[in-house]
């Protein structure tokens, strides 16, 4: 088992670093994706666990004590049915990142409880049952742990916990039995579990990379490449969203058109003109509030969606701050260049 921990530790540490350094919005998106995948797969998992519980109960007739033959399989069957309907009821549930993480934490805890109970049943059955029936115990606990790990693959913590908690006690019992055949079987169970865990970690890492790629592509599609401001596409989307948020409340939009920008290009070149646009964009960012949205919608055209309510003193002060920032000269090749802006 120490070998298993060593092989998994590096991959697990890498995952912890990847997820802990994620920006907040990206981490929320990841949590929501994990929750969506789990609520699609977990109901199927509980159907499989119910079938395994029935199979374990039927296969243990005659060779197992009555408590192990009936009580534990019946308990797992009831728990599986209960959790199945609980997750079916969440198929249309809309959650945010924080709520999704709460559900993921519950899945982790419930995985420990269910697989811990199954593991105790398996280890107890293995130790007290006849030698001829021990293989059945190994088969059922391995099926349960493997089914959990596969269904919970989008949540590696729960998937790997199901393997470790589910298989460790029985594997230890097999190792200390002194039977070479059981020791060899335990070694193979551990090897398969390590392989499955590495696959789960790799799949999760790939999911994270795909999410980061999609996020980067989304940023590029909505960002002006020169200034780093929102582009026309993003501005149109934000404007439509703002209108949908509250049609009863007014909000303000400022449209900016640079005056005298063309002479800058003609006199100093397009590289100098681009530098002016970059400096102007930085000034707009500094002059605007954090909840204002600044966009470049054309060559020398900019737009701002203000976060404040229309008509407030804060809005008036914001427009004045923008005007003062744009009135400052730009330093180009040792020359002070003034580029005015019409704001409406």
C-alpha atoms as a PDB file:
ATOM      1  CA  UNK A   1       0.000   0.000   0.000  1.00  0.00           C
ATOM      2  CA  UNK A   2       2.955   2.328   0.582  1.00  0.00           C
ATOM      3  CA  UNK A   3       3.909   1.809  -3.055  1.00  0.00           C
ATOM      4  CA  UNK A   4       0.427   2.902  -4.066  1.00  0.00           C
ATOM      5  CA  UNK A   5       0.716   6.094  -2.000  1.00  0.00           C
ATOM      6  CA  UNK A   6       4.116   6.918  -3.502  1.00  0.00           C
ATOM      7  CA  UNK A   7       2.925   6.447  -7.076  1.00  0.00           C
ATOM      8  CA  UNK A   8      -0.160   8.593  -6.512  1.00  0.00           C
ATOM      9  CA  UNK A   9       1.406  11.319  -4.390  1.00  0.00           C
ATOM     10  CA  UNK A  10       3.149  13.208  -7.174  1.00  0.00           C
ATOM     11  CA  UNK A  11       0.110  13.303  -9.433  1.00  0.00           C
ATOM     12  CA  UNK A  12      -2.117  14.241  -6.513  1.00  0.00           C
ATOM     13  CA  UNK A  13       0.203  17.073  -5.429  1.00  0.00           C
ATOM     14  CA  UNK A  14       0.231  18.405  -8.984  1.00  0.00           C
ATOM     15  CA  UNK A  15      -3.573  18.453  -9.025  1.00  0.00           C
ATOM     16  CA  UNK A  16      -3.719  20.282  -5.699  1.00  0.00           C
ATOM     17  CA  UNK A  17      -1.327  22.939  -7.015  1.00  0.00           C
ATOM     18  CA  UNK A  18      -3.282  23.298 -10.272  1.00  0.00           C
ATOM     19  CA  UNK A  19      -6.664  23.763  -8.600  1.00  0.00           C
ATOM     20  CA  UNK A  20      -5.450  25.900  -5.675  1.00  0.00           C
ATOM     21  CA  UNK A  21      -3.809  28.447  -7.993  1.00  0.00           C
ATOM     22  CA  UNK A  22      -6.847  28.781 -10.252  1.00  0.00           C
ATOM     23  CA  UNK A  23      -8.510  32.200 -10.468  1.00  0.00           C
ATOM     24  CA  UNK A  24     -11.828  32.346  -8.631  1.00  0.00           C
ATOM     25  CA  UNK A  25     -14.123  32.377 -11.709  1.00  0.00           C
ATOM     26  CA  UNK A  26     -12.242  29.478 -13.308  1.00  0.00           C
ATOM     27  CA  UNK A  27     -12.396  27.464 -10.093  1.00  0.00           C
ATOM     28  CA  UNK A  28     -16.142  28.097  -9.887  1.00  0.00           C
ATOM     29  CA  UNK A  29     -16.568  26.917 -13.471  1.00  0.00           C
ATOM     30  CA  UNK A  30     -14.583  23.763 -12.719  1.00  0.00           C
ATOM     31  CA  UNK A  31     -16.714  23.011  -9.653  1.00  0.00           C
ATOM     32  CA  UNK A  32     -19.916  23.449 -11.671  1.00  0.00           C
ATOM     33  CA  UNK A  33     -18.615  21.115 -14.409  1.00  0.00           C
ATOM     34  CA  UNK A  34     -17.670  18.512 -11.786  1.00  0.00           C
ATOM     35  CA  UNK A  35     -21.129  18.744 -10.224  1.00  0.00           C
ATOM     36  CA  UNK A  36     -22.837  18.439 -13.624  1.00  0.00           C
ATOM     37  CA  UNK A  37     -20.870  15.316 -14.502  1.00  0.00           C
ATOM     38  CA  UNK A  38     -21.484  13.737 -11.118  1.00  0.00           C
ATOM     39  CA  UNK A  39     -25.237  14.219 -11.218  1.00  0.00           C
ATOM     40  CA  UNK A  40     -25.300  12.478 -14.593  1.00  0.00           C
ATOM     41  CA  UNK A  41     -23.248   9.481 -13.421  1.00  0.00           C
ATOM     42  CA  UNK A  42     -24.037   9.015  -9.739  1.00  0.00           C
ATOM     43  CA  UNK A  43     -27.624   7.760 -10.260  1.00  0.00           C
ATOM     44  CA  UNK A  44     -26.197   5.044 -12.527  1.00  0.00           C
ATOM     45  CA  UNK A  45     -23.575   4.276  -9.879  1.00  0.00           C
ATOM     46  CA  UNK A  46     -26.245   3.697  -7.238  1.00  0.00           C
ATOM     47  CA  UNK A  47     -28.124   1.359  -9.577  1.00  0.00           C
ATOM     48  CA  UNK A  48     -24.896  -0.641  -9.981  1.00  0.00           C
ATOM     49  CA  UNK A  49     -24.245  -0.618  -6.218  1.00  0.00           C
ATOM     50  CA  UNK A  50     -27.806  -1.835  -5.594  1.00  0.00           C
ATOM     51  CA  UNK A  51     -27.233  -4.712  -8.019  1.00  0.00           C
ATOM     52  CA  UNK A  52     -23.907  -5.549  -6.346  1.00  0.00           C
ATOM     53  CA  UNK A  53     -25.623  -5.508  -2.918  1.00  0.00           C
ATOM     54  CA  UNK A  54     -28.296  -7.942  -4.110  1.00  0.00           C
ATOM     55  CA  UNK A  55     -25.644 -10.129  -5.740  1.00  0.00           C
ATOM     56  CA  UNK A  56     -23.521 -10.149  -2.588  1.00  0.00           C
ATOM     57  CA  UNK A  57     -26.502 -11.138  -0.483  1.00  0.00           C
ATOM     58  CA  UNK A  58     -27.477 -13.984  -2.795  1.00  0.00           C
ATOM     59  CA  UNK A  59     -23.921 -15.259  -3.256  1.00  0.00           C
ATOM     60  CA  UNK A  60     -23.247 -15.359   0.493  1.00  0.00           C
ATOM     61  CA  UNK A  61     -26.113 -17.696   1.355  1.00  0.00           C
ATOM     62  CA  UNK A  62     -25.044 -20.601   3.531  1.00  0.00           C
ATOM     63  CA  UNK A  63     -21.389 -19.640   3.948  1.00  0.00           C
ATOM     64  CA  UNK A  64     -21.674 -16.325   5.801  1.00  0.00           C
ATOM     65  CA  UNK A  65     -23.099 -15.418   9.218  1.00  0.00           C
ATOM     66  CA  UNK A  66     -26.650 -14.131   8.949  1.00  0.00           C
ATOM     67  CA  UNK A  67     -25.618 -10.584   9.908  1.00  0.00           C
ATOM     68  CA  UNK A  68     -23.097 -10.398   7.072  1.00  0.00           C
ATOM     69  CA  UNK A  69     -25.326 -12.282   4.668  1.00  0.00           C
ATOM     70  CA  UNK A  70     -28.414 -10.093   5.034  1.00  0.00           C
ATOM     71  CA  UNK A  71     -27.849  -7.010   7.196  1.00  0.00           C
ATOM     72  CA  UNK A  72     -25.010  -5.288   5.345  1.00  0.00           C
ATOM     73  CA  UNK A  73     -26.222  -5.997   1.779  1.00  0.00           C
ATOM     74  CA  UNK A  74     -29.727  -4.841   2.796  1.00  0.00           C
ATOM     75  CA  UNK A  75     -28.308  -1.665   4.313  1.00  0.00           C
ATOM     76  CA  UNK A  76     -26.293  -0.930   1.156  1.00  0.00           C
ATOM     77  CA  UNK A  77     -29.359  -1.614  -0.982  1.00  0.00           C
ATOM     78  CA  UNK A  78     -31.513   0.824   1.004  1.00  0.00           C
ATOM     79  CA  UNK A  79     -28.771   3.464   0.993  1.00  0.00           C
ATOM     80  CA  UNK A  80     -28.295   3.071  -2.774  1.00  0.00           C
ATOM     81  CA  UNK A  81     -32.029   3.468  -3.468  1.00  0.00           C
ATOM     82  CA  UNK A  82     -32.228   6.496  -1.188  1.00  0.00           C
ATOM     83  CA  UNK A  83     -29.230   8.223  -2.743  1.00  0.00           C
ATOM     84  CA  UNK A  84     -30.410   7.361  -6.266  1.00  0.00           C
ATOM     85  CA  UNK A  85     -33.636   9.307  -5.853  1.00  0.00           C
ATOM     86  CA  UNK A  86     -31.789  12.146  -4.085  1.00  0.00           C
ATOM     87  CA  UNK A  87     -29.507  12.645  -7.107  1.00  0.00           C
ATOM     88  CA  UNK A  88     -32.298  12.182  -9.645  1.00  0.00           C
ATOM     89  CA  UNK A  89     -34.007  15.143  -7.979  1.00  0.00           C
ATOM     90  CA  UNK A  90     -30.922  17.294  -8.628  1.00  0.00           C
ATOM     91  CA  UNK A  91     -30.755  16.804 -12.383  1.00  0.00           C
ATOM     92  CA  UNK A  92     -32.284  20.229 -13.101  1.00  0.00           C
ATOM     93  CA  UNK A  93     -30.778  22.008 -10.117  1.00  0.00           C
ATOM     94  CA  UNK A  94     -28.917  25.225 -10.975  1.00  0.00           C
ATOM     95  CA  UNK A  95     -25.920  25.864  -8.729  1.00  0.00           C
ATOM     96  CA  UNK A  96     -23.139  28.415  -8.468  1.00  0.00           C
ATOM     97  CA  UNK A  97     -19.501  27.593  -7.774  1.00  0.00           C
ATOM     98  CA  UNK A  98     -19.777  27.742  -3.985  1.00  0.00           C
ATOM     99  CA  UNK A  99     -22.890  25.569  -3.843  1.00  0.00           C
ATOM    100  CA  UNK A 100     -21.326  23.082  -6.262  1.00  0.00           C
ATOM    101  CA  UNK A 101     -18.284  22.773  -3.986  1.00  0.00           C
ATOM    102  CA  UNK A 102     -20.557  22.040  -1.017  1.00  0.00           C
ATOM    103  CA  UNK A 103     -22.112  19.159  -2.941  1.00  0.00           C
ATOM    104  CA  UNK A 104     -18.658  17.900  -3.914  1.00  0.00           C
ATOM    105  CA  UNK A 105     -17.586  17.894  -0.266  1.00  0.00           C
ATOM    106  CA  UNK A 106     -20.699  15.880   0.622  1.00  0.00           C
ATOM    107  CA  UNK A 107     -19.816  13.371  -2.083  1.00  0.00           C
ATOM    108  CA  UNK A 108     -16.351  12.993  -0.539  1.00  0.00           C
ATOM    109  CA  UNK A 109     -17.794  12.377   2.928  1.00  0.00           C
ATOM    110  CA  UNK A 110     -20.497   9.997   1.710  1.00  0.00           C
ATOM    111  CA  UNK A 111     -17.903   8.063  -0.294  1.00  0.00           C
ATOM    112  CA  UNK A 112     -15.913   7.474   2.887  1.00  0.00           C
ATOM    113  CA  UNK A 113     -19.034   6.342   4.764  1.00  0.00           C
ATOM    114  CA  UNK A 114     -20.385   3.969   2.090  1.00  0.00           C
ATOM    115  CA  UNK A 115     -17.071   2.485   1.042  1.00  0.00           C
ATOM    116  CA  UNK A 116     -15.959   2.279   4.670  1.00  0.00           C
ATOM    117  CA  UNK A 117     -19.056   0.249   5.553  1.00  0.00           C
ATOM    118  CA  UNK A 118     -18.573  -1.959   2.490  1.00  0.00           C
ATOM    119  CA  UNK A 119     -14.909  -2.411   3.352  1.00  0.00           C
ATOM    120  CA  UNK A 120     -15.722  -3.481   6.918  1.00  0.00           C
ATOM    121  CA  UNK A 121     -18.241  -5.991   5.553  1.00  0.00           C
ATOM    122  CA  UNK A 122     -15.707  -7.359   3.068  1.00  0.00           C
ATOM    123  CA  UNK A 123     -12.825  -7.623   5.549  1.00  0.00           C
ATOM    124  CA  UNK A 124     -15.034  -9.252   8.194  1.00  0.00           C
ATOM    125  CA  UNK A 125     -16.492 -11.695   5.694  1.00  0.00           C
ATOM    126  CA  UNK A 126     -13.037 -12.549   4.388  1.00  0.00           C
ATOM    127  CA  UNK A 127     -11.684 -13.341   7.854  1.00  0.00           C
ATOM    128  CA  UNK A 128     -14.527 -15.503   9.113  1.00  0.00           C
ATOM    129  CA  UNK A 129     -15.868 -17.252   6.044  1.00  0.00           C
ATOM    130  CA  UNK A 130     -14.730 -20.521   4.542  1.00  0.00           C
ATOM    131  CA  UNK A 131     -11.689 -20.397   2.295  1.00  0.00           C
ATOM    132  CA  UNK A 132     -13.694 -21.503  -0.748  1.00  0.00           C
ATOM    133  CA  UNK A 133     -15.965 -18.436  -0.472  1.00  0.00           C
ATOM    134  CA  UNK A 134     -13.267 -15.807   0.050  1.00  0.00           C
ATOM    135  CA  UNK A 135     -12.922 -15.140  -3.661  1.00  0.00           C
ATOM    136  CA  UNK A 136     -16.547 -13.951  -3.728  1.00  0.00           C
ATOM    137  CA  UNK A 137     -15.769 -11.303  -1.108  1.00  0.00           C
ATOM    138  CA  UNK A 138     -12.820 -10.023  -3.120  1.00  0.00           C
ATOM    139  CA  UNK A 139     -14.853  -9.877  -6.322  1.00  0.00           C
ATOM    140  CA  UNK A 140     -17.758  -7.924  -4.796  1.00  0.00           C
ATOM    141  CA  UNK A 141     -15.666  -5.328  -2.951  1.00  0.00           C
ATOM    142  CA  UNK A 142     -13.451  -4.817  -5.992  1.00  0.00           C
ATOM    143  CA  UNK A 143     -16.523  -4.344  -8.222  1.00  0.00           C
ATOM    144  CA  UNK A 144     -17.996  -1.812  -5.789  1.00  0.00           C
ATOM    145  CA  UNK A 145     -14.757   0.161  -5.400  1.00  0.00           C
ATOM    146  CA  UNK A 146     -14.022   0.130  -9.130  1.00  0.00           C
ATOM    147  CA  UNK A 147     -17.582   1.217 -10.004  1.00  0.00           C
ATOM    148  CA  UNK A 148     -17.343   4.114  -7.536  1.00  0.00           C
ATOM    149  CA  UNK A 149     -13.950   5.206  -8.863  1.00  0.00           C
ATOM    150  CA  UNK A 150     -15.124   5.147 -12.488  1.00  0.00           C
ATOM    151  CA  UNK A 151     -18.346   7.057 -11.779  1.00  0.00           C
ATOM    152  CA  UNK A 152     -16.604   9.653  -9.593  1.00  0.00           C
ATOM    153  CA  UNK A 153     -13.685  10.196 -11.995  1.00  0.00           C
ATOM    154  CA  UNK A 154     -14.498  13.909 -12.405  1.00  0.00           C
ATOM    155  CA  UNK A 155     -13.906  14.276  -8.646  1.00  0.00           C
ATOM    156  CA  UNK A 156     -10.507  12.572  -8.137  1.00  0.00           C
ATOM    157  CA  UNK A 157     -10.548  12.954  -4.360  1.00  0.00           C
ATOM    158  CA  UNK A 158     -13.739  10.871  -4.054  1.00  0.00           C
ATOM    159  CA  UNK A 159     -12.689   8.411  -6.754  1.00  0.00           C
ATOM    160  CA  UNK A 160      -9.329   7.633  -5.178  1.00  0.00           C
ATOM    161  CA  UNK A 161     -10.833   7.560  -1.679  1.00  0.00           C
ATOM    162  CA  UNK A 162     -13.276   4.889  -2.855  1.00  0.00           C
ATOM    163  CA  UNK A 163     -10.364   2.709  -3.960  1.00  0.00           C
ATOM    164  CA  UNK A 164      -8.227   3.268  -0.881  1.00  0.00           C
ATOM    165  CA  UNK A 165     -11.010   3.003   1.713  1.00  0.00           C
ATOM    166  CA  UNK A 166     -12.752   0.171  -0.100  1.00  0.00           C
ATOM    167  CA  UNK A 167      -9.787  -2.064  -0.851  1.00  0.00           C
ATOM    168  CA  UNK A 168      -7.220  -1.432   1.896  1.00  0.00           C
ATOM    169  CA  UNK A 169      -8.689  -3.589   4.724  1.00  0.00           C
ATOM    170  CA  UNK A 170      -9.390  -6.598   2.503  1.00  0.00           C
ATOM    171  CA  UNK A 171      -6.007  -6.303   0.778  1.00  0.00           C
ATOM    172  CA  UNK A 172      -4.244  -6.227   4.154  1.00  0.00           C
ATOM    173  CA  UNK A 173      -6.198  -9.291   5.264  1.00  0.00           C
ATOM    174  CA  UNK A 174      -5.123 -11.079   2.081  1.00  0.00           C
ATOM    175  CA  UNK A 175      -1.473 -10.163   2.652  1.00  0.00           C
ATOM    176  CA  UNK A 176      -1.415 -11.429   6.250  1.00  0.00           C
ATOM    177  CA  UNK A 177      -3.282 -14.634   5.385  1.00  0.00           C
ATOM    178  CA  UNK A 178      -0.037 -16.319   4.390  1.00  0.00           C
ATOM    179  CA  UNK A 179      -1.685 -17.827   1.317  1.00  0.00           C
ATOM    180  CA  UNK A 180       0.528 -17.195  -1.709  1.00  0.00           C
ATOM    181  CA  UNK A 181      -2.485 -17.221  -4.024  1.00  0.00           C
ATOM    182  CA  UNK A 182      -4.279 -14.543  -1.995  1.00  0.00           C
ATOM    183  CA  UNK A 183      -1.129 -12.457  -1.700  1.00  0.00           C
ATOM    184  CA  UNK A 184      -0.697 -12.576  -5.481  1.00  0.00           C
ATOM    185  CA  UNK A 185      -4.357 -11.627  -5.934  1.00  0.00           C
ATOM    186  CA  UNK A 186      -4.000  -8.711  -3.498  1.00  0.00           C
ATOM    187  CA  UNK A 187      -0.937  -7.476  -5.383  1.00  0.00           C
ATOM    188  CA  UNK A 188      -2.878  -7.548  -8.643  1.00  0.00           C
ATOM    189  CA  UNK A 189      -5.834  -5.715  -7.072  1.00  0.00           C
ATOM    190  CA  UNK A 190      -3.474  -2.990  -5.869  1.00  0.00           C
ATOM    191  CA  UNK A 191      -1.759  -2.773  -9.269  1.00  0.00           C
ATOM    192  CA  UNK A 192      -5.103  -2.372 -11.066  1.00  0.00           C
ATOM    193  CA  UNK A 193      -6.194   0.234  -8.512  1.00  0.00           C
ATOM    194  CA  UNK A 194      -2.989   2.216  -9.034  1.00  0.00           C
ATOM    195  CA  UNK A 195      -3.483   2.076 -12.788  1.00  0.00           C
ATOM    196  CA  UNK A 196      -7.099   3.220 -12.469  1.00  0.00           C
ATOM    197  CA  UNK A 197      -6.118   6.034 -10.109  1.00  0.00           C
ATOM    198  CA  UNK A 198      -3.458   7.289 -12.498  1.00  0.00           C
ATOM    199  CA  UNK A 199      -6.006   7.262 -15.314  1.00  0.00           C
ATOM    200  CA  UNK A 200      -8.432   9.255 -13.164  1.00  0.00           C
ATOM    201  CA  UNK A 201      -5.777  11.836 -12.326  1.00  0.00           C
ATOM    202  CA  UNK A 202      -4.774  12.096 -15.989  1.00  0.00           C
ATOM    203  CA  UNK A 203      -8.384  12.519 -17.119  1.00  0.00           C
ATOM    204  CA  UNK A 204      -8.996  15.196 -14.519  1.00  0.00           C
ATOM    205  CA  UNK A 205      -5.840  17.063 -15.499  1.00  0.00           C
ATOM    206  CA  UNK A 206      -6.978  16.939 -19.122  1.00  0.00           C
ATOM    207  CA  UNK A 207     -10.380  18.309 -18.095  1.00  0.00           C
ATOM    208  CA  UNK A 208      -8.684  21.192 -16.294  1.00  0.00           C
ATOM    209  CA  UNK A 209      -6.491  21.932 -19.318  1.00  0.00           C
ATOM    210  CA  UNK A 210      -9.513  21.926 -21.649  1.00  0.00           C
ATOM    211  CA  UNK A 211     -11.351  24.301 -19.327  1.00  0.00           C
ATOM    212  CA  UNK A 212      -8.351  26.641 -19.189  1.00  0.00           C
ATOM    213  CA  UNK A 213      -8.070  26.510 -22.988  1.00  0.00           C
ATOM    214  CA  UNK A 214     -11.765  27.307 -23.429  1.00  0.00           C
ATOM    215  CA  UNK A 215     -11.420  30.194 -20.984  1.00  0.00           C
ATOM    216  CA  UNK A 216      -8.366  31.558 -22.804  1.00  0.00           C
ATOM    217  CA  UNK A 217     -10.147  31.305 -26.156  1.00  0.00           C
ATOM    218  CA  UNK A 218     -13.162  33.071 -24.677  1.00  0.00           C
ATOM    219  CA  UNK A 219     -10.936  35.873 -23.384  1.00  0.00           C
ATOM    220  CA  UNK A 220      -9.223  36.228 -26.758  1.00  0.00           C
ATOM    221  CA  UNK A 221     -12.578  36.312 -28.561  1.00  0.00           C
ATOM    222  CA  UNK A 222     -13.786  39.152 -26.340  1.00  0.00           C
ATOM    223  CA  UNK A 223     -10.583  41.184 -25.934  1.00  0.00           C
ATOM    224  CA  UNK A 224      -9.099  43.877 -28.133  1.00  0.00           C
ATOM    225  CA  UNK A 225      -5.595  42.573 -28.922  1.00  0.00           C
ATOM    226  CA  UNK A 226      -3.937  46.000 -28.894  1.00  0.00           C
ATOM    227  CA  UNK A 227      -5.308  47.625 -25.751  1.00  0.00           C
ATOM    228  CA  UNK A 228      -6.500  44.626 -23.756  1.00  0.00           C
ATOM    229  CA  UNK A 229      -9.932  46.235 -23.352  1.00  0.00           C
ATOM    230  CA  UNK A 230     -13.203  44.532 -24.210  1.00  0.00           C
ATOM    231  CA  UNK A 231     -13.875  44.486 -27.947  1.00  0.00           C
ATOM    232  CA  UNK A 232     -17.094  45.296 -29.844  1.00  0.00           C
ATOM    233  CA  UNK A 233     -18.383  41.737 -29.487  1.00  0.00           C
ATOM    234  CA  UNK A 234     -17.935  41.749 -25.724  1.00  0.00           C
ATOM    235  CA  UNK A 235     -19.452  45.227 -25.465  1.00  0.00           C
ATOM    236  CA  UNK A 236     -22.593  44.118 -27.319  1.00  0.00           C
ATOM    237  CA  UNK A 237     -22.943  41.075 -25.054  1.00  0.00           C
ATOM    238  CA  UNK A 238     -22.457  43.101 -21.853  1.00  0.00           C
ATOM    239  CA  UNK A 239     -24.934  45.711 -23.051  1.00  0.00           C
ATOM    240  CA  UNK A 240     -27.567  43.059 -23.782  1.00  0.00           C
ATOM    241  CA  UNK A 241     -26.966  41.442 -20.396  1.00  0.00           C
ATOM    242  CA  UNK A 242     -27.283  44.778 -18.622  1.00  0.00           C
ATOM    243  CA  UNK A 243     -30.590  45.477 -20.354  1.00  0.00           C
ATOM    244  CA  UNK A 244     -31.927  42.057 -19.308  1.00  0.00           C
ATOM    245  CA  UNK A 245     -30.840  42.463 -15.687  1.00  0.00           C
ATOM    246  CA  UNK A 246     -33.308  45.184 -14.792  1.00  0.00           C
ATOM    247  CA  UNK A 247     -35.344  46.922 -17.466  1.00  0.00           C
ATOM    248  CA  UNK A 248     -36.912  49.224 -14.852  1.00  0.00           C
ATOM    249  CA  UNK A 249     -33.647  50.919 -13.908  1.00  0.00           C
ATOM    250  CA  UNK A 250     -31.725  53.321 -16.077  1.00  0.00           C
ATOM    251  CA  UNK A 251     -28.001  53.045 -16.652  1.00  0.00           C
ATOM    252  CA  UNK A 252     -25.475  55.183 -18.451  1.00  0.00           C
ATOM    253  CA  UNK A 253     -23.258  54.532 -21.461  1.00  0.00           C
ATOM    254  CA  UNK A 254     -20.486  56.845 -22.638  1.00  0.00           C
ATOM    255  CA  UNK A 255     -19.288  56.831 -26.259  1.00  0.00           C
ATOM    256  CA  UNK A 256     -15.812  58.268 -26.907  1.00  0.00           C
ATOM    257  CA  UNK A 257     -14.454  59.345 -30.289  1.00  0.00           C
ATOM    258  CA  UNK A 258     -10.875  60.624 -30.500  1.00  0.00           C
ATOM    259  CA  UNK A 259     -10.320  63.989 -32.168  1.00  0.00           C
ATOM    260  CA  UNK A 260      -7.028  64.618 -33.933  1.00  0.00           C
ATOM    261  CA  UNK A 261      -5.861  61.032 -33.818  1.00  0.00           C
ATOM    262  CA  UNK A 262      -5.285  60.715 -37.567  1.00  0.00           C
ATOM    263  CA  UNK A 263      -2.612  63.454 -37.603  1.00  0.00           C
ATOM    264  CA  UNK A 264      -0.686  61.468 -34.979  1.00  0.00           C
ATOM    265  CA  UNK A 265      -0.550  58.491 -37.344  1.00  0.00           C
ATOM    266  CA  UNK A 266       0.397  60.707 -40.290  1.00  0.00           C
ATOM    267  CA  UNK A 267       3.161  62.548 -38.452  1.00  0.00           C
ATOM    268  CA  UNK A 268       4.678  59.888 -36.182  1.00  0.00           C
ATOM    269  CA  UNK A 269       3.601  56.621 -37.829  1.00  0.00           C
ATOM    270  CA  UNK A 270       1.179  53.873 -36.946  1.00  0.00           C
ATOM    271  CA  UNK A 271       3.426  52.455 -34.213  1.00  0.00           C
ATOM    272  CA  UNK A 272       3.189  55.772 -32.365  1.00  0.00           C
ATOM    273  CA  UNK A 273      -0.558  55.795 -32.940  1.00  0.00           C
ATOM    274  CA  UNK A 274      -0.852  52.346 -31.403  1.00  0.00           C
ATOM    275  CA  UNK A 275       1.164  53.534 -28.423  1.00  0.00           C
ATOM    276  CA  UNK A 276      -1.256  56.428 -27.942  1.00  0.00           C
ATOM    277  CA  UNK A 277      -4.205  54.029 -28.001  1.00  0.00           C
ATOM    278  CA  UNK A 278      -2.528  51.806 -25.404  1.00  0.00           C
ATOM    279  CA  UNK A 279      -1.807  54.764 -23.126  1.00  0.00           C
ATOM    280  CA  UNK A 280      -5.352  56.041 -23.567  1.00  0.00           C
ATOM    281  CA  UNK A 281      -6.764  52.619 -22.680  1.00  0.00           C
ATOM    282  CA  UNK A 282      -4.672  52.549 -19.502  1.00  0.00           C
ATOM    283  CA  UNK A 283      -5.949  55.998 -18.568  1.00  0.00           C
ATOM    284  CA  UNK A 284      -9.531  54.900 -19.083  1.00  0.00           C
ATOM    285  CA  UNK A 285      -9.003  51.868 -16.862  1.00  0.00           C
ATOM    286  CA  UNK A 286      -7.516  54.024 -14.108  1.00  0.00           C
ATOM    287  CA  UNK A 287     -10.239  56.672 -14.344  1.00  0.00           C
ATOM    288  CA  UNK A 288     -13.156  54.222 -14.332  1.00  0.00           C
ATOM    289  CA  UNK A 289     -14.548  52.302 -11.381  1.00  0.00           C
ATOM    290  CA  UNK A 290     -13.954  48.528 -11.011  1.00  0.00           C
ATOM    291  CA  UNK A 291     -17.576  47.755 -11.948  1.00  0.00           C
ATOM    292  CA  UNK A 292     -17.443  49.898 -15.131  1.00  0.00           C
ATOM    293  CA  UNK A 293     -16.927  48.110 -18.454  1.00  0.00           C
ATOM    294  CA  UNK A 294     -14.557  49.785 -20.902  1.00  0.00           C
ATOM    295  CA  UNK A 295     -14.412  48.639 -24.530  1.00  0.00           C
ATOM    296  CA  UNK A 296     -12.694  49.584 -27.758  1.00  0.00           C
ATOM    297  CA  UNK A 297     -15.383  49.256 -30.419  1.00  0.00           C
ATOM    298  CA  UNK A 298     -13.499  50.725 -33.382  1.00  0.00           C
ATOM    299  CA  UNK A 299     -10.167  52.141 -34.505  1.00  0.00           C
ATOM    300  CA  UNK A 300     -10.349  55.258 -32.322  1.00  0.00           C
ATOM    301  CA  UNK A 301     -13.774  54.681 -30.795  1.00  0.00           C
ATOM    302  CA  UNK A 302     -14.338  53.587 -27.205  1.00  0.00           C
ATOM    303  CA  UNK A 303     -17.386  52.910 -25.058  1.00  0.00           C
ATOM    304  CA  UNK A 304     -18.064  52.628 -21.343  1.00  0.00           C
ATOM    305  CA  UNK A 305     -20.963  50.949 -19.563  1.00  0.00           C
ATOM    306  CA  UNK A 306     -21.112  52.530 -16.125  1.00  0.00           C
ATOM    307  CA  UNK A 307     -21.857  50.416 -13.112  1.00  0.00           C
ATOM    308  CA  UNK A 308     -23.444  53.277 -11.164  1.00  0.00           C
ATOM    309  CA  UNK A 309     -27.089  54.233 -11.472  1.00  0.00           C
ATOM    310  CA  UNK A 310     -27.730  56.910 -14.068  1.00  0.00           C
ATOM    311  CA  UNK A 311     -27.870  60.442 -12.679  1.00  0.00           C
ATOM    312  CA  UNK A 312     -25.912  59.897  -9.463  1.00  0.00           C
ATOM    313  CA  UNK A 313     -23.176  62.211  -8.328  1.00  0.00           C
ATOM    314  CA  UNK A 314     -20.696  59.356  -8.549  1.00  0.00           C
ATOM    315  CA  UNK A 315     -21.477  59.028 -12.259  1.00  0.00           C
ATOM    316  CA  UNK A 316     -20.891  62.729 -12.842  1.00  0.00           C
ATOM    317  CA  UNK A 317     -17.612  62.565 -10.968  1.00  0.00           C
ATOM    318  CA  UNK A 318     -16.625  59.519 -13.032  1.00  0.00           C
ATOM    319  CA  UNK A 319     -17.207  61.319 -16.331  1.00  0.00           C
ATOM    320  CA  UNK A 320     -15.229  64.311 -15.075  1.00  0.00           C
ATOM    321  CA  UNK A 321     -12.344  62.027 -14.059  1.00  0.00           C
ATOM    322  CA  UNK A 322     -12.320  60.471 -17.530  1.00  0.00           C
ATOM    323  CA  UNK A 323     -12.252  63.891 -19.172  1.00  0.00           C
ATOM    324  CA  UNK A 324      -9.366  65.031 -16.984  1.00  0.00           C
ATOM    325  CA  UNK A 325      -7.385  61.857 -17.682  1.00  0.00           C
ATOM    326  CA  UNK A 326      -7.770  62.167 -21.457  1.00  0.00           C
ATOM    327  CA  UNK A 327      -6.850  65.873 -21.418  1.00  0.00           C
ATOM    328  CA  UNK A 328      -3.273  65.110 -20.370  1.00  0.00           C
ATOM    329  CA  UNK A 329      -0.696  65.189 -23.200  1.00  0.00           C
ATOM    330  CA  UNK A 330       1.013  62.083 -24.587  1.00  0.00           C
ATOM    331  CA  UNK A 331       4.805  61.891 -24.802  1.00  0.00           C
ATOM    332  CA  UNK A 332       5.827  60.714 -28.310  1.00  0.00           C
ATOM    333  CA  UNK A 333       9.416  60.961 -29.579  1.00  0.00           C
ATOM    334  CA  UNK A 334      10.122  63.804 -27.211  1.00  0.00           C
ATOM    335  CA  UNK A 335       7.000  65.723 -28.270  1.00  0.00           C
ATOM    336  CA  UNK A 336       3.919  66.517 -26.225  1.00  0.00           C
ATOM    337  CA  UNK A 337       0.920  65.458 -28.257  1.00  0.00           C
ATOM    338  CA  UNK A 338      -2.639  66.313 -27.335  1.00  0.00           C
ATOM    339  CA  UNK A 339      -5.433  64.026 -28.461  1.00  0.00           C
ATOM    340  CA  UNK A 340      -8.876  65.237 -27.481  1.00  0.00           C
ATOM    341  CA  UNK A 341     -11.947  63.056 -27.176  1.00  0.00           C
ATOM    342  CA  UNK A 342     -15.598  63.763 -27.726  1.00  0.00           C
ATOM    343  CA  UNK A 343     -17.717  62.091 -25.042  1.00  0.00           C
ATOM    344  CA  UNK A 344     -21.437  61.608 -25.394  1.00  0.00           C
END
